[in-house]
Protein backbone atom coordinates (compact mmCIF):
# COMPACT_ATOMS: atom_id res chain seq x y z
CA MET A 1 -0.24 -0.20 -0.01
CA VAL A 2 1.32 3.49 -1.06
CA GLN A 3 0.29 6.41 0.98
CA ALA A 4 0.89 9.96 -0.01
CA PHE A 5 -0.07 13.86 1.56
CA ILE A 6 -1.62 15.59 -1.08
CA LEU A 7 -0.99 19.53 0.13
CA ILE A 8 -3.67 21.35 -2.00
CA GLN A 9 -4.16 25.37 -2.99
CA THR A 10 -7.93 26.58 -3.90
CA GLU A 11 -9.51 29.52 -5.05
CA VAL A 12 -10.65 31.84 -2.48
CA GLY A 13 -13.49 31.18 -0.66
CA GLN A 14 -13.37 27.44 -1.58
CA ALA A 15 -11.27 25.11 0.87
CA ALA A 16 -14.55 23.63 2.42
CA ALA A 17 -16.58 22.72 -0.98
CA VAL A 18 -12.96 21.12 -2.01
CA ALA A 19 -12.31 19.40 0.87
CA ALA A 20 -15.99 17.92 1.11
CA ALA A 21 -15.62 17.16 -2.35
CA ILE A 22 -12.38 15.04 -2.17
CA ALA A 23 -13.42 13.59 0.95
CA GLU A 24 -15.40 11.55 -0.97
CA ILE A 25 -13.29 10.07 -3.45
CA ALA A 26 -12.74 6.66 -3.21
CA GLY A 27 -8.95 5.92 -1.71
CA VAL A 28 -8.91 9.18 0.21
CA THR A 29 -8.92 8.50 3.56
CA SER A 30 -9.21 12.36 5.13
CA ALA A 31 -9.51 15.50 3.63
CA GLU A 32 -9.28 18.62 5.74
CA ASP A 33 -9.39 22.75 5.26
CA VAL A 34 -6.31 24.05 7.12
CA THR A 35 -4.99 27.49 7.00
CA GLY A 36 -1.25 28.53 5.75
CA PRO A 37 0.03 28.49 2.74
CA TYR A 38 -2.07 25.79 1.66
CA ASP A 39 -6.00 25.26 2.10
CA VAL A 40 -6.53 21.92 2.06
CA ILE A 41 -4.23 18.87 3.47
CA VAL A 42 -5.67 14.92 1.89
CA ARG A 43 -4.21 11.53 2.93
CA ALA A 44 -4.37 9.34 0.48
CA GLU A 45 -3.73 5.47 -0.40
CA ALA A 46 -3.36 3.55 -3.28
CA ASN A 47 -2.38 -0.35 -4.25
CA SER A 48 0.76 1.17 -6.37
CA VAL A 49 2.75 4.73 -7.40
CA ASP A 50 0.69 4.58 -10.84
CA GLU A 51 -2.40 4.10 -9.02
CA LEU A 52 -1.94 6.86 -6.22
CA GLY A 53 -0.89 9.03 -9.46
CA LYS A 54 -3.92 7.93 -10.97
CA LEU A 55 -6.38 9.10 -8.14
CA VAL A 56 -4.64 12.52 -8.22
CA VAL A 57 -4.57 13.49 -11.49
CA ALA A 58 -7.93 11.70 -12.84
CA ARG A 59 -9.97 12.34 -9.72
CA VAL A 60 -8.51 15.24 -7.24
CA GLN A 61 -7.48 17.37 -9.57
CA ALA A 62 -10.28 17.15 -11.40
CA VAL A 63 -12.12 18.86 -8.27
CA ALA A 64 -13.45 22.53 -8.94
CA GLY A 65 -11.45 24.99 -7.06
CA ILE A 66 -8.40 23.32 -6.87
CA THR A 67 -5.53 25.77 -8.44
CA ARG A 68 -2.41 23.69 -7.51
CA THR A 69 -1.68 20.32 -5.92
CA LEU A 70 1.58 18.83 -4.34
CA THR A 71 1.88 15.53 -3.87
CA CYS A 72 4.25 13.74 -0.90
CA PRO A 73 4.46 9.97 -1.01
CA VAL A 74 5.05 8.53 2.68
CA VAL A 75 8.27 7.13 3.26
CA HIS A 76 9.44 4.15 5.49
CA LEU A 77 13.08 4.76 6.38
């Protein structure tokens, strides 16, 4: 299982709506609106890095109101 945090910037005033929409996507384990340089932080998981990439590009980035994403895969050192 591959896990990642996805840091999201949204259009002004859209953080709560974006977090709510993303929380409904299969593979997303949490989606929280936050303060700071990013507006939403998502934790997601998939069976492989390729599936994780497809989740981010095809599903998460398709949500209206998102302006930028940064995906941070979790590593176990």
